[in-house]
Amino acid sequence: MTQTDDTIHAGSAHGSYETVDGRPLLRFERRLAHPIDAVWRAVSDPAELAHWFPSTIAVEELRVGGSMTFSFEEHDLPPMQGSVTELDPPRLLGFSWGDDELRFELAPSDDGAQTTLRFSVALDARDKAARDATGWHVCLDALERQLDGVRDELPSTGVTPDWRERYEQYVASGMPSGAPIPGTSS
């Protein structure tokens, strides 16, 4: 991973960090060996999101302005509210997730046999970058496994040895860090 100006770049599966209009932004790009409709379901259907997203999602209605509720049973945290900010099925879904803004952009490739997923997260705080990049990296890995037909019991939002190793890689790359890590004293 290298840093250029205020941008930290990484390999294709890793996230990159930059500042856009003064706001910290994480970007991921994954090429998925599945058609766009399958990927769209995986990122927009709460039943599919339950297999890889870091919280349970209840959606009032999938429309711009539709409210969303995110529950974190594993961490015994209160529910968080959000709303759909962008919607153009099956190519674009954006929503607020607390004070962060998530955006999923999908584009078909290889005559529709594959999909390029561009996922970005506008963060509310710079010191969350390494922690959140690690968490989203792990979640996107779980998304790929789900699309490949591998069903994890439940997506873990805890600190595993794999999570810790990725976190250390993001920190070593120069990505801002320092935010508390749930479930640990660090």
C-alpha atoms as a PDB file:
ATOM      1  CA  MET A   1       0.000   0.000   0.000  1.00  0.00           C
ATOM      2  CA  THR A   2       1.277   3.435  -0.802  1.00  0.00           C
ATOM      3  CA  GLN A   3       0.261   6.942   0.139  1.00  0.00           C
ATOM      4  CA  THR A   4       0.031   9.707  -2.457  1.00  0.00           C
ATOM      5  CA  ASP A   5      -0.944  13.160  -1.197  1.00  0.00           C
ATOM      6  CA  ASP A   6      -3.965  12.384   0.996  1.00  0.00           C
ATOM      7  CA  THR A   7      -4.763   9.092  -0.711  1.00  0.00           C
ATOM      8  CA  ILE A   8      -3.633   5.662   0.453  1.00  0.00           C
ATOM      9  CA  HIS A   9      -3.891   3.048  -2.295  1.00  0.00           C
ATOM     10  CA  ALA A  10      -4.026  -0.714  -1.902  1.00  0.00           C
ATOM     11  CA  GLY A  11      -4.456  -3.863  -3.937  1.00  0.00           C
ATOM     12  CA  SER A  12      -7.767  -4.741  -5.552  1.00  0.00           C
ATOM     13  CA  ALA A  13      -9.302  -6.455  -2.523  1.00  0.00           C
ATOM     14  CA  HIS A  14      -8.014  -3.893  -0.014  1.00  0.00           C
ATOM     15  CA  GLY A  15      -9.587  -0.558   0.670  1.00  0.00           C
ATOM     16  CA  SER A  16      -8.074   2.786  -0.152  1.00  0.00           C
ATOM     17  CA  TYR A  17      -8.338   5.967   1.875  1.00  0.00           C
ATOM     18  CA  GLU A  18      -8.655   9.543   0.738  1.00  0.00           C
ATOM     19  CA  THR A  19     -10.141  12.823   1.831  1.00  0.00           C
ATOM     20  CA  VAL A  20     -12.898  14.252  -0.371  1.00  0.00           C
ATOM     21  CA  ASP A  21     -14.218  17.731   0.408  1.00  0.00           C
ATOM     22  CA  GLY A  22     -12.632  17.439   3.849  1.00  0.00           C
ATOM     23  CA  ARG A  23     -14.381  14.157   4.652  1.00  0.00           C
ATOM     24  CA  PRO A  24     -12.536  10.823   5.098  1.00  0.00           C
ATOM     25  CA  LEU A  25     -13.541   8.272   2.446  1.00  0.00           C
ATOM     26  CA  LEU A  26     -12.858   4.543   2.097  1.00  0.00           C
ATOM     27  CA  ARG A  27     -13.109   2.904  -1.326  1.00  0.00           C
ATOM     28  CA  PHE A  28     -13.175  -0.768  -2.264  1.00  0.00           C
ATOM     29  CA  GLU A  29     -13.454  -2.396  -5.659  1.00  0.00           C
ATOM     30  CA  ARG A  30     -14.186  -6.087  -6.136  1.00  0.00           C
ATOM     31  CA  ARG A  31     -14.724  -8.057  -9.317  1.00  0.00           C
ATOM     32  CA  LEU A  32     -17.335 -10.682  -8.509  1.00  0.00           C
ATOM     33  CA  ALA A  33     -17.913 -13.815 -10.607  1.00  0.00           C
ATOM     34  CA  HIS A  34     -21.686 -13.373 -10.481  1.00  0.00           C
ATOM     35  CA  PRO A  35     -24.276 -11.520 -12.591  1.00  0.00           C
ATOM     36  CA  ILE A  36     -25.428  -8.078 -11.500  1.00  0.00           C
ATOM     37  CA  ASP A  37     -28.893  -9.282 -10.392  1.00  0.00           C
ATOM     38  CA  ALA A  38     -27.365 -11.737  -7.903  1.00  0.00           C
ATOM     39  CA  VAL A  39     -25.019  -9.082  -6.521  1.00  0.00           C
ATOM     40  CA  TRP A  40     -27.867  -6.561  -6.347  1.00  0.00           C
ATOM     41  CA  ARG A  41     -29.941  -8.959  -4.235  1.00  0.00           C
ATOM     42  CA  ALA A  42     -26.953  -9.544  -1.956  1.00  0.00           C
ATOM     43  CA  VAL A  43     -26.496  -5.798  -1.287  1.00  0.00           C
ATOM     44  CA  SER A  44     -30.147  -4.707  -1.194  1.00  0.00           C
ATOM     45  CA  ASP A  45     -32.249  -7.544   0.268  1.00  0.00           C
ATOM     46  CA  PRO A  46     -32.194  -7.596   4.107  1.00  0.00           C
ATOM     47  CA  ALA A  47     -32.432 -11.429   4.109  1.00  0.00           C
ATOM     48  CA  GLU A  48     -29.283 -11.614   1.945  1.00  0.00           C
ATOM     49  CA  LEU A  49     -27.503  -8.818   3.830  1.00  0.00           C
ATOM     50  CA  ALA A  50     -27.944 -10.855   7.024  1.00  0.00           C
ATOM     51  CA  HIS A  51     -25.248 -13.245   5.734  1.00  0.00           C
ATOM     52  CA  TRP A  52     -22.483 -10.663   5.425  1.00  0.00           C
ATOM     53  CA  PHE A  53     -23.437  -7.139   6.610  1.00  0.00           C
ATOM     54  CA  PRO A  54     -22.244  -6.155  10.136  1.00  0.00           C
ATOM     55  CA  SER A  55     -25.752  -5.521  11.473  1.00  0.00           C
ATOM     56  CA  THR A  56     -29.305  -6.709  10.992  1.00  0.00           C
ATOM     57  CA  ILE A  57     -31.223  -4.341   8.710  1.00  0.00           C
ATOM     58  CA  ALA A  58     -34.907  -3.508   8.654  1.00  0.00           C
ATOM     59  CA  VAL A  59     -35.981  -1.403   5.665  1.00  0.00           C
ATOM     60  CA  GLU A  60     -39.275   0.496   5.729  1.00  0.00           C
ATOM     61  CA  GLU A  61     -39.348   0.649   1.931  1.00  0.00           C
ATOM     62  CA  LEU A  62     -36.503   0.481  -0.568  1.00  0.00           C
ATOM     63  CA  ARG A  63     -36.951   3.990  -1.985  1.00  0.00           C
ATOM     64  CA  VAL A  64     -35.036   7.248  -1.669  1.00  0.00           C
ATOM     65  CA  GLY A  65     -35.956   8.609   1.752  1.00  0.00           C
ATOM     66  CA  GLY A  66     -37.038   5.177   3.036  1.00  0.00           C
ATOM     67  CA  SER A  67     -36.000   4.665   6.634  1.00  0.00           C
ATOM     68  CA  MET A  68     -33.674   1.895   7.754  1.00  0.00           C
ATOM     69  CA  THR A  69     -32.960   0.477  11.201  1.00  0.00           C
ATOM     70  CA  PHE A  70     -29.690  -1.287  11.996  1.00  0.00           C
ATOM     71  CA  SER A  71     -29.479  -3.645  14.995  1.00  0.00           C
ATOM     72  CA  PHE A  72     -26.253  -4.905  16.607  1.00  0.00           C
ATOM     73  CA  GLU A  73     -27.202  -7.885  18.755  1.00  0.00           C
ATOM     74  CA  GLU A  74     -23.622  -9.199  18.978  1.00  0.00           C
ATOM     75  CA  HIS A  75     -22.406  -5.999  20.650  1.00  0.00           C
ATOM     76  CA  ASP A  76     -25.487  -5.175  22.743  1.00  0.00           C
ATOM     77  CA  LEU A  77     -25.697  -1.700  21.206  1.00  0.00           C
ATOM     78  CA  PRO A  78     -28.871   0.317  20.688  1.00  0.00           C
ATOM     79  CA  PRO A  79     -30.364   0.304  17.171  1.00  0.00           C
ATOM     80  CA  MET A  80     -29.062   2.918  14.741  1.00  0.00           C
ATOM     81  CA  GLN A  81     -31.167   4.778  12.199  1.00  0.00           C
ATOM     82  CA  GLY A  82     -30.443   5.520   8.560  1.00  0.00           C
ATOM     83  CA  SER A  83     -32.203   6.197   5.293  1.00  0.00           C
ATOM     84  CA  VAL A  84     -31.871   5.412   1.616  1.00  0.00           C
ATOM     85  CA  THR A  85     -30.084   8.322  -0.102  1.00  0.00           C
ATOM     86  CA  GLU A  86     -29.593   6.949  -3.631  1.00  0.00           C
ATOM     87  CA  LEU A  87     -31.362   4.226  -5.557  1.00  0.00           C
ATOM     88  CA  ASP A  88     -31.105   3.063  -9.174  1.00  0.00           C
ATOM     89  CA  PRO A  89     -31.711  -0.723  -9.244  1.00  0.00           C
ATOM     90  CA  PRO A  90     -29.698  -2.806 -10.011  1.00  0.00           C
ATOM     91  CA  ARG A  91     -26.769  -0.407 -10.283  1.00  0.00           C
ATOM     92  CA  LEU A  92     -26.736   1.973  -7.314  1.00  0.00           C
ATOM     93  CA  LEU A  93     -27.708   1.916  -3.653  1.00  0.00           C
ATOM     94  CA  GLY A  94     -26.666   4.542  -1.154  1.00  0.00           C
ATOM     95  CA  PHE A  95     -27.764   4.948   2.436  1.00  0.00           C
ATOM     96  CA  SER A  96     -26.804   6.587   5.675  1.00  0.00           C
ATOM     97  CA  TRP A  97     -25.513   4.254   8.351  1.00  0.00           C
ATOM     98  CA  GLY A  98     -25.491   6.378  11.458  1.00  0.00           C
ATOM     99  CA  ASP A  99     -23.221   9.299  10.585  1.00  0.00           C
ATOM    100  CA  ASP A 100     -21.476   7.416   7.745  1.00  0.00           C
ATOM    101  CA  GLU A 101     -22.655   7.288   4.122  1.00  0.00           C
ATOM    102  CA  LEU A 102     -22.432   3.938   2.287  1.00  0.00           C
ATOM    103  CA  ARG A 103     -22.587   3.602  -1.503  1.00  0.00           C
ATOM    104  CA  PHE A 104     -22.741   0.429  -3.600  1.00  0.00           C
ATOM    105  CA  GLU A 105     -22.184   0.867  -7.339  1.00  0.00           C
ATOM    106  CA  LEU A 106     -22.566  -2.192  -9.578  1.00  0.00           C
ATOM    107  CA  ALA A 107     -21.504  -2.580 -13.212  1.00  0.00           C
ATOM    108  CA  PRO A 108     -21.824  -5.734 -15.323  1.00  0.00           C
ATOM    109  CA  SER A 109     -18.710  -7.059 -17.043  1.00  0.00           C
ATOM    110  CA  ASP A 110     -17.742 -10.054 -19.195  1.00  0.00           C
ATOM    111  CA  ASP A 111     -21.069 -10.005 -21.059  1.00  0.00           C
ATOM    112  CA  GLY A 112     -22.960  -9.998 -17.765  1.00  0.00           C
ATOM    113  CA  ALA A 113     -21.250 -13.050 -16.237  1.00  0.00           C
ATOM    114  CA  GLN A 114     -19.381 -10.878 -13.707  1.00  0.00           C
ATOM    115  CA  THR A 115     -20.037  -7.699 -11.780  1.00  0.00           C
ATOM    116  CA  THR A 116     -17.700  -4.968 -10.653  1.00  0.00           C
ATOM    117  CA  LEU A 117     -18.668  -3.748  -7.193  1.00  0.00           C
ATOM    118  CA  ARG A 118     -17.441  -0.317  -6.145  1.00  0.00           C
ATOM    119  CA  PHE A 119     -18.180   0.255  -2.487  1.00  0.00           C
ATOM    120  CA  SER A 120     -17.408   3.507  -0.711  1.00  0.00           C
ATOM    121  CA  VAL A 121     -17.901   4.761   2.832  1.00  0.00           C
ATOM    122  CA  ALA A 122     -17.797   8.449   3.745  1.00  0.00           C
ATOM    123  CA  LEU A 123     -16.754   8.419   7.398  1.00  0.00           C
ATOM    124  CA  ASP A 124     -17.742  10.861  10.114  1.00  0.00           C
ATOM    125  CA  ALA A 125     -14.285  10.685  11.743  1.00  0.00           C
ATOM    126  CA  ARG A 126     -10.755  10.282  10.364  1.00  0.00           C
ATOM    127  CA  ASP A 127      -9.485   8.055  13.193  1.00  0.00           C
ATOM    128  CA  LYS A 128     -12.042   5.352  12.221  1.00  0.00           C
ATOM    129  CA  ALA A 129     -10.409   4.730   8.820  1.00  0.00           C
ATOM    130  CA  ALA A 130      -8.158   1.728   9.608  1.00  0.00           C
ATOM    131  CA  ARG A 131     -10.716   0.111  11.918  1.00  0.00           C
ATOM    132  CA  ASP A 132     -13.619   0.547   9.502  1.00  0.00           C
ATOM    133  CA  ALA A 133     -11.565  -0.407   6.430  1.00  0.00           C
ATOM    134  CA  THR A 134     -10.709  -3.649   8.202  1.00  0.00           C
ATOM    135  CA  GLY A 135     -14.323  -4.306   9.124  1.00  0.00           C
ATOM    136  CA  TRP A 136     -15.615  -3.602   5.613  1.00  0.00           C
ATOM    137  CA  HIS A 137     -12.800  -5.691   4.109  1.00  0.00           C
ATOM    138  CA  VAL A 138     -13.906  -8.667   6.234  1.00  0.00           C
ATOM    139  CA  CYS A 139     -17.572  -8.038   5.351  1.00  0.00           C
ATOM    140  CA  LEU A 140     -16.839  -7.871   1.611  1.00  0.00           C
ATOM    141  CA  ASP A 141     -14.904 -11.147   1.907  1.00  0.00           C
ATOM    142  CA  ALA A 142     -18.046 -12.644   3.508  1.00  0.00           C
ATOM    143  CA  LEU A 143     -20.173 -11.185   0.677  1.00  0.00           C
ATOM    144  CA  GLU A 144     -17.974 -12.973  -1.872  1.00  0.00           C
ATOM    145  CA  ARG A 145     -18.273 -16.240   0.050  1.00  0.00           C
ATOM    146  CA  GLN A 146     -22.052 -15.848   0.239  1.00  0.00           C
ATOM    147  CA  LEU A 147     -22.290 -15.244  -3.522  1.00  0.00           C
ATOM    148  CA  ASP A 148     -20.124 -18.335  -4.056  1.00  0.00           C
ATOM    149  CA  GLY A 149     -22.654 -20.371  -2.049  1.00  0.00           C
ATOM    150  CA  VAL A 150     -20.655 -20.627   1.165  1.00  0.00           C
ATOM    151  CA  ARG A 151     -22.921 -19.743   4.074  1.00  0.00           C
ATOM    152  CA  ASP A 152     -21.058 -18.590   7.159  1.00  0.00           C
ATOM    153  CA  GLU A 153     -23.046 -19.269  10.328  1.00  0.00           C
ATOM    154  CA  LEU A 154     -23.304 -15.576  11.099  1.00  0.00           C
ATOM    155  CA  PRO A 155     -20.968 -12.801  10.047  1.00  0.00           C
ATOM    156  CA  SER A 156     -18.610 -12.073  12.916  1.00  0.00           C
ATOM    157  CA  THR A 157     -18.120  -8.450  13.797  1.00  0.00           C
ATOM    158  CA  GLY A 158     -15.584  -9.359  16.466  1.00  0.00           C
ATOM    159  CA  VAL A 159     -11.811  -9.129  16.452  1.00  0.00           C
ATOM    160  CA  THR A 160     -10.470 -12.400  15.031  1.00  0.00           C
ATOM    161  CA  PRO A 161      -6.779 -13.125  14.304  1.00  0.00           C
ATOM    162  CA  ASP A 162      -7.520 -12.457  10.594  1.00  0.00           C
ATOM    163  CA  TRP A 163      -9.200  -9.150  11.497  1.00  0.00           C
ATOM    164  CA  ARG A 164      -6.258  -8.123  13.684  1.00  0.00           C
ATOM    165  CA  GLU A 165      -3.739  -8.951  10.899  1.00  0.00           C
ATOM    166  CA  ARG A 166      -5.673  -6.889   8.330  1.00  0.00           C
ATOM    167  CA  TYR A 167      -6.018  -4.024  10.798  1.00  0.00           C
ATOM    168  CA  GLU A 168      -2.275  -3.980  11.367  1.00  0.00           C
ATOM    169  CA  GLN A 169      -1.738  -3.927   7.573  1.00  0.00           C
ATOM    170  CA  TYR A 170      -4.040  -0.918   7.183  1.00  0.00           C
ATOM    171  CA  VAL A 171      -2.345   0.916  10.062  1.00  0.00           C
ATOM    172  CA  ALA A 172       1.133   0.096   8.653  1.00  0.00           C
ATOM    173  CA  SER A 173       0.038   1.515   5.283  1.00  0.00           C
ATOM    174  CA  GLY A 174      -0.511   4.882   6.946  1.00  0.00           C
ATOM    175  CA  MET A 175      -4.297   4.757   7.181  1.00  0.00           C
ATOM    176  CA  PRO A 176      -5.522   6.912  10.101  1.00  0.00           C
ATOM    177  CA  SER A 177      -6.286   4.927  13.261  1.00  0.00           C
ATOM    178  CA  GLY A 178      -7.014   5.402  16.930  1.00  0.00           C
ATOM    179  CA  ALA A 179     -10.778   4.833  17.165  1.00  0.00           C
ATOM    180  CA  PRO A 180     -11.880   2.338  19.820  1.00  0.00           C
ATOM    181  CA  ILE A 181     -12.325  -1.243  18.636  1.00  0.00           C
ATOM    182  CA  PRO A 182     -15.547  -2.743  20.023  1.00  0.00           C
ATOM    183  CA  GLY A 183     -14.980  -5.779  22.240  1.00  0.00           C
ATOM    184  CA  THR A 184     -11.350  -4.900  23.038  1.00  0.00           C
ATOM    185  CA  SER A 185      -9.532  -2.508  25.314  1.00  0.00           C
ATOM    186  CA  SER A 186      -7.634  -0.973  22.352  1.00  0.00           C
END
